[in-house]
Amino acid sequence: MVLNGELDTKTANSIILACNAILSGIRTDEQEKKLAELEQILNERD
């Protein structure tokens, strides 16, 4: 869209930064879920 002149670079950069922040939050959430599952498995073995 930037190359076609449909979107200015500042707006495109802001969108990219927001998307990266959201993606990072999703990854963190997924890692926390996996860690909780592993902790539960370890606690069940005790």
Protein backbone atom coordinates (compact mmCIF):
# COMPACT_ATOMS: atom_id res chain seq x y z
CA MET A 1 0.00 0.00 0.00
CA VAL A 2 2.91 2.33 0.70
CA LEU A 3 4.41 1.55 -2.71
CA ASN A 4 1.07 2.29 -4.37
CA GLY A 5 0.72 5.59 -2.53
CA GLU A 6 -2.37 4.36 -0.68
CA LEU A 7 -0.73 4.68 2.74
CA ASP A 8 1.95 7.01 4.04
CA THR A 9 5.08 5.53 5.61
CA LYS A 10 4.41 6.97 9.07
CA THR A 11 0.99 5.31 9.27
CA ALA A 12 2.37 2.04 7.88
CA ASN A 13 5.13 2.06 10.48
CA SER A 14 2.63 2.68 13.27
CA ILE A 15 0.52 -0.25 12.09
CA ILE A 16 3.57 -2.51 11.97
CA LEU A 17 4.58 -1.51 15.51
CA ALA A 18 1.07 -2.16 16.81
CA CYS A 19 0.93 -5.55 15.08
CA ASN A 20 4.29 -6.53 16.53
CA ALA A 21 3.14 -5.55 20.02
CA ILE A 22 0.00 -7.65 19.65
CA LEU A 23 1.97 -10.60 18.29
CA SER A 24 4.39 -10.37 21.20
CA GLY A 25 1.47 -10.41 23.64
CA ILE A 26 0.00 -13.49 21.96
CA ARG A 27 3.34 -15.30 22.09
CA THR A 28 3.75 -14.46 25.77
CA ASP A 29 0.24 -15.73 26.49
CA GLU A 30 0.95 -18.99 24.64
CA GLN A 31 4.21 -19.46 26.55
CA GLU A 32 2.45 -18.87 29.86
CA LYS A 33 -0.18 -21.49 28.99
CA LYS A 34 2.48 -24.05 28.09
CA LEU A 35 4.41 -23.30 31.27
CA ALA A 36 1.26 -23.72 33.36
CA GLU A 37 0.58 -27.08 31.67
CA LEU A 38 4.12 -28.25 32.39
CA GLU A 39 3.85 -27.14 36.02
CA GLN A 40 0.59 -29.04 36.36
CA ILE A 41 2.17 -32.19 34.93
CA LEU A 42 5.11 -31.90 37.31
CA ASN A 43 2.81 -31.32 40.29
CA GLU A 44 0.75 -34.37 39.40
CA ARG A 45 3.88 -36.55 39.46
CA ASP A 46 4.75 -35.60 43.05
